[in-house]
Amino acid sequence: MLKVDGGPPPHGIMGWLATKGGPTVMKKNRTKHPSRNTEFASGRSPSTRKLTLPEVLVKVGRSLRDLVTGSGLEIFRVLLEEDQARLCGLRHQPHADRRASRHGTTEGPLVFGGRKIRLTRPRVRSIKGREVELPTWKQFSEEDPLNARAVEQMLIGVSTRGYARSLEPIDEDHESVGVSRSSVSRRFVARTQDQVTAFLSRPLGELDLPVIMLDGVCLAEHVLIVALGIDTDGRKHVLGLAEGSTESEGVCQSLLRNLIDRGLTVERARLFVIDGGKGVRKAIRSVFGAWALVQRCQVHKLRNVLDHLPEGKRTWMRAAIRRAWATETSEKARRKLRDLASQLDETHPGAAASLREGLEETVTVNDFGLGAWLLKTLCSTNPIENLNGGLRRLTRNVKRWRGGAMAQRWGATALMEAEKGFRRIKGHRELPQLLKALDTLIAGARVDKTRRVA
């Protein structure tokens, strides 16, 4: 038996382990039947396994959230007591420069996890008898985080009725305040009103926008006109929003002049892609004159034509119109479209008239020599339709529209949210070719106009 306690260190591997902090060699217990007593003869306690913190939480039935919440509130109370001591001095100790005194406690609301809870806080009064606000309480009771949480919940589809259920539960000892429908609605309005105003007044002077799309979206009985710009890098920008119809020239002019007041350049060759409303068409000509080329949305035009036809003829006419639009030049496309309209004169005059109306402007982009991707992007207002789909998803929980201001505020909020995920348009690498074609066509149109005037 090697001796470890006392004497010279043993030789061999066991001695090396002993000198290096390896496992020690216990003396042999010569008791054949060790005592069943809970204490060893040497007075040491038997080895017991210590419980870890997660095991303790499991045993007492608490979660990590409960632990963090309870600990956080305790720390908050300590901070309040430190503020009180800083203002009033230590308890039961004279303070010559004392400017305030303790004045009991009171309950007050505090922002916590998307709601308000009532907590007891100490009160402090100045020598003149005025209430002194504790700095820590003032900082944590601000409602900005609460308003931001309410807006975030609305944006992900939580209704005002389900707002309280979407929050983390709290202890029953703390009363939850500010989670009713009316409270959440008021916070949403207060938070989004300033954001909408700032969003719709952003300066546009630094943006070069060769393409602007205009389209309308319906919210109950309200119609919103959305203006979307595409810059020279193919990035999309929400430019403006107005309540009204694209059939109203006055509303469309007001929207376009607002863009100009914010810095949009007028003297620039530009393509406008519109939904076909007569008001927006007149407004563009009135505001931008010869600087603008207009492309009518082919999706809207096709839908309008097919509405005048019976179900049995819609498939054939849809394919024929699309083949005409796919022609290389606008002149050939116009000729094919006029032939289709002539075939419909006898049987379906309504469809023929709808096809002829604005026919020339449905093929404006055909003369630009663009690739398939960019041509498909610019021949319709689909980029705005994607925005409108997001707007409808966001507003699906709204059951009662209280006016145009509410519709405009919800619309602008949805557009702000959608703008965060914007990507460059398909075919953006072909934009230099579009810019060159725009400059050439606009220059030629201005020369022809000058000659006619002369």
Protein backbone atom coordinates (compact mmCIF):
# COMPACT_ATOMS: atom_id res chain seq x y z
CA MET A 1 0.00 0.00 0.00
CA LEU A 2 1.46 3.38 -1.04
CA LYS A 3 1.47 6.10 1.54
CA VAL A 4 0.25 9.49 0.32
CA ASP A 5 -0.40 11.51 3.49
CA GLY A 6 2.93 12.44 5.03
CA GLY A 7 6.44 11.11 4.32
CA PRO A 8 8.40 11.39 1.11
CA PRO A 9 6.43 11.24 -2.14
CA PRO A 10 6.08 7.75 -3.48
CA HIS A 11 7.87 6.67 -6.58
CA GLY A 12 6.38 5.45 -9.88
CA ILE A 13 3.27 6.54 -11.72
CA MET A 14 1.16 6.83 -8.59
CA GLY A 15 3.63 9.17 -7.05
CA TRP A 16 3.78 11.29 -10.18
CA LEU A 17 0.01 11.58 -10.23
CA ALA A 18 -0.03 12.56 -6.58
CA THR A 19 2.54 15.34 -7.10
CA LYS A 20 0.74 16.63 -10.25
CA GLY A 21 -2.67 16.89 -8.63
CA GLY A 22 -3.91 13.58 -9.97
CA PRO A 23 -6.37 11.30 -8.23
CA THR A 24 -5.44 10.64 -4.59
CA VAL A 25 -5.24 7.17 -3.11
CA MET A 26 -7.70 6.67 -0.29
CA LYS A 27 -6.78 4.62 2.77
CA LYS A 28 -8.47 1.29 2.94
CA ASN A 29 -11.53 1.17 5.12
CA ARG A 30 -10.93 -1.74 7.42
CA THR A 31 -14.50 -1.80 8.68
CA LYS A 32 -16.18 -4.75 7.07
CA HIS A 33 -19.65 -3.35 7.76
CA PRO A 34 -19.51 0.44 7.57
CA SER A 35 -21.80 2.32 9.86
CA ARG A 36 -25.20 3.32 8.57
CA ASN A 37 -24.92 6.61 10.43
CA THR A 38 -25.22 9.74 8.26
CA GLU A 39 -21.82 10.96 9.48
CA PHE A 40 -18.44 9.41 8.92
CA ALA A 41 -16.15 8.79 11.81
CA SER A 42 -13.94 11.65 10.60
CA GLY A 43 -16.85 14.06 10.99
CA ARG A 44 -17.24 14.82 7.25
CA SER A 45 -20.68 14.82 5.65
CA PRO A 46 -21.46 12.29 2.94
CA SER A 47 -21.21 13.64 -0.63
CA THR A 48 -24.54 15.01 -1.95
CA ARG A 49 -25.34 16.24 -5.47
CA LYS A 50 -26.11 19.94 -5.69
CA LEU A 51 -29.15 21.01 -7.69
CA THR A 52 -28.55 23.38 -10.59
CA LEU A 53 -30.62 26.53 -11.15
CA PRO A 54 -32.70 25.03 -14.00
CA GLU A 55 -33.53 22.04 -11.78
CA VAL A 56 -34.60 24.37 -9.01
CA LEU A 57 -36.85 26.27 -11.39
CA VAL A 58 -38.43 23.03 -12.57
CA LYS A 59 -38.97 21.83 -9.01
CA VAL A 60 -40.65 25.05 -7.90
CA GLY A 61 -42.65 25.32 -11.12
CA ARG A 62 -41.22 28.62 -12.35
CA SER A 63 -40.00 29.56 -15.80
CA LEU A 64 -37.06 31.66 -16.84
CA ARG A 65 -39.46 34.43 -17.80
CA ASP A 66 -40.86 34.52 -14.27
CA LEU A 67 -37.36 34.62 -12.83
CA VAL A 68 -36.25 37.44 -15.13
CA THR A 69 -39.45 39.38 -14.54
CA GLY A 70 -39.24 39.09 -10.78
CA SER A 71 -35.56 39.91 -10.67
CA GLY A 72 -36.01 42.84 -13.02
CA LEU A 73 -38.76 44.35 -10.91
CA GLU A 74 -36.66 43.96 -7.78
CA ILE A 75 -33.75 45.73 -9.48
CA PHE A 76 -36.13 48.47 -10.58
CA ARG A 77 -37.29 48.98 -6.99
CA VAL A 78 -33.67 49.24 -5.86
CA LEU A 79 -33.03 51.91 -8.51
CA LEU A 80 -36.04 53.87 -7.26
CA GLU A 81 -34.73 53.69 -3.70
CA GLU A 82 -31.34 54.94 -4.89
CA ASP A 83 -33.03 57.88 -6.62
CA GLN A 84 -34.90 58.63 -3.43
CA ALA A 85 -31.72 58.46 -1.33
CA ARG A 86 -29.92 60.71 -3.81
CA LEU A 87 -32.63 63.35 -3.48
CA CYS A 88 -33.42 63.03 0.20
CA GLY A 89 -30.25 61.59 1.72
CA LEU A 90 -29.95 58.44 3.80
CA ARG A 91 -32.64 57.52 6.25
CA HIS A 92 -32.35 58.63 9.90
CA GLN A 93 -29.24 60.67 9.16
CA PRO A 94 -29.04 64.47 9.32
CA HIS A 95 -28.40 66.20 6.02
CA ALA A 96 -27.68 69.93 6.02
CA ASP A 97 -28.26 70.42 2.28
CA ARG A 98 -31.47 68.40 2.13
CA ARG A 99 -33.76 69.78 -0.59
CA ALA A 100 -36.45 67.12 -0.54
CA SER A 101 -38.04 64.66 1.83
CA ARG A 102 -39.73 61.28 1.66
CA HIS A 103 -43.47 61.35 1.35
CA GLY A 104 -44.69 57.78 1.52
CA THR A 105 -45.58 55.68 -1.53
CA THR A 106 -48.14 55.64 -4.28
CA GLU A 107 -49.17 53.44 -7.21
CA GLY A 108 -48.48 54.38 -10.80
CA PRO A 109 -48.55 52.84 -14.30
CA LEU A 110 -45.32 51.61 -15.86
CA VAL A 111 -44.71 50.41 -19.44
CA PHE A 112 -43.91 46.71 -19.38
CA GLY A 113 -44.00 44.20 -22.25
CA GLY A 114 -46.51 45.96 -24.50
CA ARG A 115 -48.81 46.95 -21.64
CA LYS A 116 -48.88 49.02 -18.48
CA ILE A 117 -48.74 47.54 -15.00
CA ARG A 118 -49.35 49.24 -11.69
CA LEU A 119 -46.39 49.34 -9.33
CA THR A 120 -45.82 50.92 -5.97
CA ARG A 121 -43.22 53.66 -6.09
CA PRO A 122 -41.79 55.97 -3.43
CA ARG A 123 -42.81 59.61 -3.38
CA VAL A 124 -40.50 62.57 -2.90
CA ARG A 125 -41.50 66.17 -2.20
CA SER A 126 -39.35 69.25 -2.32
CA ILE A 127 -38.99 71.61 0.66
CA LYS A 128 -41.59 73.86 -0.98
CA GLY A 129 -44.07 70.97 -1.03
CA ARG A 130 -43.96 70.16 -4.74
CA GLU A 131 -43.84 66.63 -6.10
CA VAL A 132 -40.40 65.59 -7.38
CA GLU A 133 -40.32 62.97 -10.14
CA LEU A 134 -37.80 60.16 -9.79
CA PRO A 135 -35.46 60.01 -12.83
CA THR A 136 -35.66 56.21 -13.15
CA TRP A 137 -39.45 56.22 -13.04
CA LYS A 138 -39.64 59.00 -15.63
CA GLN A 139 -37.36 57.12 -18.01
CA PHE A 140 -39.17 53.78 -17.84
CA SER A 141 -42.70 55.22 -17.87
CA GLU A 142 -42.39 56.82 -21.32
CA GLU A 143 -45.00 55.52 -23.75
CA ASP A 144 -42.93 55.50 -26.95
CA PRO A 145 -41.96 51.81 -26.60
CA LEU A 146 -45.60 51.02 -25.84
CA ASN A 147 -46.85 52.81 -28.95
CA ALA A 148 -44.17 51.12 -31.06
CA ARG A 149 -45.23 47.69 -29.74
CA ALA A 150 -48.88 48.41 -30.58
CA VAL A 151 -48.00 49.39 -34.16
CA GLU A 152 -45.81 46.31 -34.57
CA GLN A 153 -48.61 44.02 -33.42
CA MET A 154 -51.03 45.63 -35.87
CA LEU A 155 -48.55 45.24 -38.73
CA ILE A 156 -48.20 41.49 -38.18
CA GLY A 157 -51.97 41.05 -38.28
CA VAL A 158 -53.02 41.17 -34.62
CA SER A 159 -56.43 42.81 -34.21
CA THR A 160 -57.20 45.26 -31.43
CA ARG A 161 -59.46 42.62 -29.85
CA GLY A 162 -56.64 40.07 -29.73
CA TYR A 163 -53.88 42.44 -28.62
CA ALA A 164 -54.01 41.43 -24.94
CA ARG A 165 -53.78 37.72 -25.81
CA SER A 166 -50.73 38.31 -28.01
CA LEU A 167 -48.65 39.59 -25.06
CA GLU A 168 -46.61 37.52 -22.63
CA PRO A 169 -48.56 36.69 -19.47
CA ILE A 170 -47.62 38.45 -16.23
CA ASP A 171 -48.06 37.65 -12.57
CA GLU A 172 -51.53 37.98 -11.15
CA ASP A 173 -50.16 40.39 -8.54
CA HIS A 174 -49.71 43.08 -11.20
CA GLU A 175 -52.71 44.69 -12.80
CA SER A 176 -52.51 45.01 -16.59
CA VAL A 177 -53.55 48.40 -17.97
CA GLY A 178 -53.84 49.79 -21.52
CA VAL A 179 -54.66 46.62 -23.46
CA SER A 180 -58.26 47.37 -24.38
CA ARG A 181 -59.37 47.88 -27.98
CA SER A 182 -59.78 51.62 -27.60
CA SER A 183 -56.39 52.04 -25.88
CA VAL A 184 -54.56 50.09 -28.59
CA SER A 185 -56.38 51.99 -31.34
CA ARG A 186 -55.46 55.35 -29.81
CA ARG A 187 -51.80 54.35 -29.58
CA PHE A 188 -51.80 53.18 -33.19
CA VAL A 189 -53.25 56.49 -34.36
CA ALA A 190 -50.86 58.56 -32.23
CA ARG A 191 -47.83 56.62 -33.40
CA THR A 192 -48.66 56.44 -37.10
CA GLN A 193 -49.97 59.98 -37.58
CA ASP A 194 -46.55 61.63 -37.34
CA GLN A 195 -44.91 58.81 -39.29
CA VAL A 196 -47.40 59.16 -42.15
CA THR A 197 -46.93 62.93 -42.31
CA ALA A 198 -43.14 62.57 -42.47
CA PHE A 199 -43.39 59.72 -44.99
CA LEU A 200 -45.61 61.65 -47.40
CA SER A 201 -43.42 64.76 -47.24
CA ARG A 202 -40.01 63.20 -47.92
CA PRO A 203 -37.86 65.26 -50.34
CA LEU A 204 -37.48 63.81 -53.84
CA GLY A 205 -34.85 66.12 -55.26
CA GLU A 206 -32.02 63.60 -55.00
CA LEU A 207 -33.89 60.86 -56.88
CA ASP A 208 -33.67 60.39 -60.64
CA LEU A 209 -36.95 58.70 -61.54
CA PRO A 210 -37.36 57.87 -65.24
CA VAL A 211 -40.44 55.71 -64.52
CA ILE A 212 -43.48 56.56 -62.40
CA MET A 213 -46.45 54.23 -61.91
CA LEU A 214 -49.90 55.37 -60.79
CA ASP A 215 -52.71 53.06 -59.73
CA GLY A 216 -55.70 53.02 -57.41
CA VAL A 217 -56.67 50.65 -54.60
CA CYS A 218 -60.05 50.35 -52.87
CA LEU A 219 -60.48 50.27 -49.08
CA ALA A 220 -64.19 49.82 -48.42
CA GLU A 221 -65.79 52.86 -50.11
CA HIS A 222 -62.49 54.78 -50.21
CA VAL A 223 -60.08 54.78 -53.16
CA LEU A 224 -56.39 55.56 -52.70
CA ILE A 225 -54.10 56.58 -55.58
CA VAL A 226 -50.56 55.26 -55.11
CA ALA A 227 -47.54 56.78 -56.87
CA LEU A 228 -44.51 54.49 -57.22
CA GLY A 229 -41.19 55.62 -58.72
CA ILE A 230 -38.37 53.54 -60.22
CA ASP A 231 -34.89 55.08 -60.23
CA THR A 232 -32.05 54.52 -62.69
CA ASP A 233 -30.74 51.58 -60.63
CA GLY A 234 -34.06 49.76 -60.75
CA ARG A 235 -35.00 50.46 -57.13
CA LYS A 236 -38.60 51.24 -56.22
CA HIS A 237 -39.68 54.21 -54.09
CA VAL A 238 -43.14 55.04 -52.76
CA LEU A 239 -43.61 58.66 -53.80
CA GLY A 240 -47.05 59.65 -52.63
CA LEU A 241 -50.60 58.73 -51.71
CA ALA A 242 -53.89 60.53 -52.20
CA GLU A 243 -57.51 59.71 -51.52
CA GLY A 244 -59.61 59.82 -54.66
CA SER A 245 -60.13 58.12 -58.01
CA THR A 246 -57.86 58.02 -61.04
CA GLU A 247 -60.91 59.29 -62.96
CA SER A 248 -60.65 62.61 -61.11
CA GLU A 249 -58.28 65.00 -62.85
CA GLY A 250 -58.19 67.37 -59.88
CA VAL A 251 -57.11 64.70 -57.39
CA CYS A 252 -54.42 63.38 -59.74
CA GLN A 253 -53.11 66.87 -60.44
CA SER A 254 -52.92 67.57 -56.72
CA LEU A 255 -50.88 64.38 -56.20
CA LEU A 256 -48.48 65.15 -59.07
CA ARG A 257 -47.97 68.77 -58.02
CA ASN A 258 -47.21 67.59 -54.51
CA LEU A 259 -44.41 65.45 -55.96
CA ILE A 260 -43.06 68.49 -57.82
CA ASP A 261 -43.22 70.64 -54.68
CA ARG A 262 -41.10 68.01 -52.93
CA GLY A 263 -38.38 68.19 -55.56
CA LEU A 264 -39.45 65.97 -58.48
CA THR A 265 -37.92 67.33 -61.70
CA VAL A 266 -40.36 68.18 -64.47
CA GLU A 267 -37.84 68.68 -67.32
CA ARG A 268 -36.88 65.04 -67.59
CA ALA A 269 -37.88 62.39 -70.13
CA ARG A 270 -40.16 60.09 -68.17
CA LEU A 271 -42.43 57.09 -68.70
CA PHE A 272 -45.74 57.01 -66.82
CA VAL A 273 -47.43 53.64 -66.41
CA ILE A 274 -51.09 54.14 -65.49
CA ASP A 275 -54.20 52.05 -64.95
CA GLY A 276 -56.23 53.73 -67.69
CA GLY A 277 -58.17 56.34 -65.71
CA LYS A 278 -59.02 59.38 -67.81
CA GLY A 279 -58.35 61.78 -64.95
CA VAL A 280 -54.78 60.63 -64.37
CA ARG A 281 -54.12 60.73 -68.13
CA LYS A 282 -55.22 64.36 -68.37
CA ALA A 283 -53.34 65.30 -65.21
CA ILE A 284 -50.06 63.93 -66.60
CA ARG A 285 -50.45 65.91 -69.82
CA SER A 286 -51.38 69.03 -67.89
CA VAL A 287 -48.48 68.88 -65.42
CA PHE A 288 -45.63 67.30 -67.42
CA GLY A 289 -46.60 68.12 -70.99
CA ALA A 290 -44.29 66.78 -73.71
CA TRP A 291 -41.81 65.44 -71.18
CA ALA A 292 -44.04 62.44 -70.47
CA LEU A 293 -44.74 59.22 -72.36
CA VAL A 294 -47.72 57.17 -71.23
CA GLN A 295 -48.01 53.39 -71.13
CA ARG A 296 -51.47 52.01 -70.41
CA CYS A 297 -51.50 48.95 -68.19
CA GLN A 298 -52.08 45.93 -70.41
CA VAL A 299 -53.52 43.89 -67.54
CA HIS A 300 -56.26 46.46 -66.90
CA LYS A 301 -56.98 46.82 -70.63
CA LEU A 302 -57.25 43.07 -71.16
CA ARG A 303 -59.58 42.75 -68.18
CA ASN A 304 -61.84 45.52 -69.47
CA VAL A 305 -62.09 43.98 -72.95
CA LEU A 306 -62.83 40.48 -71.68
CA ASP A 307 -65.61 41.78 -69.44
CA HIS A 308 -67.62 42.55 -72.61
CA LEU A 309 -67.27 39.01 -73.97
CA PRO A 310 -69.02 35.73 -73.08
CA GLU A 311 -67.05 33.04 -71.33
CA GLY A 312 -66.67 30.94 -74.48
CA LYS A 313 -64.76 33.63 -76.39
CA ARG A 314 -62.54 34.98 -73.64
CA THR A 315 -59.76 32.41 -73.99
CA TRP A 316 -59.39 33.01 -77.72
CA MET A 317 -59.46 36.79 -77.40
CA ARG A 318 -56.98 36.79 -74.50
CA ALA A 319 -54.45 34.82 -76.56
CA ALA A 320 -54.97 36.99 -79.66
CA ILE A 321 -54.47 40.28 -77.76
CA ARG A 322 -51.35 38.99 -76.06
CA ARG A 323 -49.87 37.89 -79.39
CA ALA A 324 -50.48 41.39 -80.76
CA TRP A 325 -48.80 43.03 -77.77
CA ALA A 326 -45.77 40.73 -78.21
CA THR A 327 -45.05 42.16 -81.67
CA GLU A 328 -41.64 43.80 -82.03
CA THR A 329 -42.79 47.31 -83.02
CA SER A 330 -45.70 49.39 -81.85
CA GLU A 331 -46.94 50.00 -85.41
CA LYS A 332 -47.39 46.29 -86.12
CA ALA A 333 -49.01 45.78 -82.74
CA ARG A 334 -51.52 48.59 -83.36
CA ARG A 335 -52.42 47.14 -86.76
CA LYS A 336 -53.14 43.70 -85.26
CA LEU A 337 -55.20 45.19 -82.45
CA ARG A 338 -57.29 47.22 -84.90
CA ASP A 339 -57.94 44.05 -86.92
CA LEU A 340 -59.17 42.31 -83.76
CA ALA A 341 -61.45 45.24 -82.98
CA SER A 342 -62.89 45.07 -86.52
CA GLN A 343 -63.71 41.38 -86.04
CA LEU A 344 -65.68 42.26 -82.87
CA ASP A 345 -67.70 45.15 -84.33
CA GLU A 346 -70.65 43.04 -85.44
CA THR A 347 -70.95 40.55 -82.58
CA HIS A 348 -69.55 42.43 -79.60
CA PRO A 349 -69.36 46.19 -80.22
CA GLY A 350 -68.71 46.90 -76.52
CA ALA A 351 -65.55 44.82 -76.56
CA ALA A 352 -64.45 46.46 -79.83
CA ALA A 353 -64.92 49.95 -78.41
CA SER A 354 -63.03 49.02 -75.24
CA LEU A 355 -60.14 47.64 -77.29
CA ARG A 356 -59.90 50.77 -79.44
CA GLU A 357 -60.00 53.14 -76.44
CA GLY A 358 -56.42 54.06 -75.61
CA LEU A 359 -55.11 51.40 -78.00
CA GLU A 360 -52.02 53.39 -79.04
CA GLU A 361 -50.79 53.82 -75.48
CA THR A 362 -50.96 50.11 -74.65
CA VAL A 363 -47.90 49.50 -76.88
CA THR A 364 -45.75 52.52 -76.04
CA VAL A 365 -42.89 50.40 -74.64
CA ASN A 366 -42.72 48.22 -77.76
CA ASP A 367 -40.56 50.79 -79.55
CA PHE A 368 -37.92 50.88 -76.80
CA GLY A 369 -36.19 47.68 -77.90
CA LEU A 370 -36.17 46.30 -74.35
CA GLY A 371 -35.51 42.77 -73.20
CA ALA A 372 -38.30 40.44 -72.13
CA TRP A 373 -37.94 41.02 -68.36
CA LEU A 374 -37.95 44.82 -68.38
CA LEU A 375 -40.66 44.89 -71.04
CA LYS A 376 -42.88 42.70 -68.87
CA THR A 377 -42.24 44.95 -65.85
CA LEU A 378 -43.12 48.20 -67.62
CA CYS A 379 -46.16 47.09 -69.61
CA SER A 380 -48.40 46.96 -66.52
CA THR A 381 -48.85 48.38 -63.02
CA ASN A 382 -48.16 45.00 -61.40
CA PRO A 383 -45.45 46.43 -59.10
CA ILE A 384 -48.13 48.59 -57.49
CA GLU A 385 -50.58 45.69 -57.46
CA ASN A 386 -48.12 43.83 -55.24
CA LEU A 387 -48.19 46.80 -52.88
CA ASN A 388 -51.97 46.80 -52.93
CA GLY A 389 -52.02 43.14 -52.00
CA GLY A 390 -49.91 43.85 -48.93
CA LEU A 391 -52.19 46.74 -48.04
CA ARG A 392 -55.25 44.52 -48.19
CA ARG A 393 -53.60 41.90 -45.99
CA LEU A 394 -52.72 44.53 -43.40
CA THR A 395 -56.17 46.07 -43.31
CA ARG A 396 -58.15 42.83 -43.31
CA ASN A 397 -58.91 43.21 -39.58
CA VAL A 398 -60.38 46.70 -39.99
CA LYS A 399 -64.17 46.35 -39.91
CA ARG A 400 -65.22 49.98 -39.70
CA TRP A 401 -63.68 52.78 -41.72
CA ARG A 402 -64.34 56.13 -40.09
CA GLY A 403 -63.29 58.36 -42.98
CA GLY A 404 -60.75 59.15 -45.65
CA ALA A 405 -58.11 60.23 -43.13
CA MET A 406 -58.20 56.78 -41.53
CA ALA A 407 -57.94 55.06 -44.92
CA GLN A 408 -55.01 57.26 -45.90
CA ARG A 409 -53.23 56.62 -42.59
CA TRP A 410 -53.62 52.85 -42.90
CA GLY A 411 -52.58 52.96 -46.56
CA ALA A 412 -49.43 54.96 -45.86
CA THR A 413 -48.55 52.68 -42.92
CA ALA A 414 -48.87 49.62 -45.15
CA LEU A 415 -46.73 51.25 -47.85
CA MET A 416 -44.03 52.11 -45.31
CA GLU A 417 -43.97 48.50 -44.17
CA ALA A 418 -43.87 47.17 -47.74
CA GLU A 419 -41.06 49.53 -48.73
CA LYS A 420 -38.74 47.79 -46.25
CA GLY A 421 -38.77 44.66 -48.42
CA PHE A 422 -38.46 46.29 -51.84
CA ARG A 423 -36.12 44.70 -54.36
CA ARG A 424 -34.89 45.94 -57.69
CA ILE A 425 -37.20 45.35 -60.61
CA LYS A 426 -36.69 42.49 -63.01
CA GLY A 427 -34.64 43.57 -65.98
CA HIS A 428 -32.95 46.47 -64.19
CA ARG A 429 -29.74 45.85 -66.14
CA GLU A 430 -31.53 47.03 -69.29
CA LEU A 431 -32.45 50.43 -67.81
CA PRO A 432 -29.65 52.30 -69.68
CA GLN A 433 -31.31 51.24 -72.92
CA LEU A 434 -34.64 52.56 -71.63
CA LEU A 435 -33.09 55.90 -70.69
CA LYS A 436 -31.56 56.30 -74.12
CA ALA A 437 -34.86 55.46 -75.83
CA LEU A 438 -36.78 57.91 -73.63
CA ASP A 439 -34.40 60.76 -74.39
CA THR A 440 -34.56 60.04 -78.12
CA LEU A 441 -38.36 59.83 -78.29
CA ILE A 442 -38.95 62.87 -76.11
CA ALA A 443 -36.45 64.94 -78.09
CA GLY A 444 -38.13 63.95 -81.36
CA ALA A 445 -41.59 64.73 -79.98
CA ARG A 446 -40.49 68.19 -78.83
CA VAL A 447 -38.96 68.94 -82.23
CA ASP A 448 -42.19 67.92 -84.01
CA LYS A 449 -44.24 70.06 -81.66
CA THR A 450 -42.01 73.08 -82.31
CA ARG A 451 -42.36 72.62 -86.06
CA ARG A 452 -46.17 72.41 -85.82
CA VAL A 453 -46.30 75.59 -83.75
CA ALA A 454 -44.04 77.39 -86.21
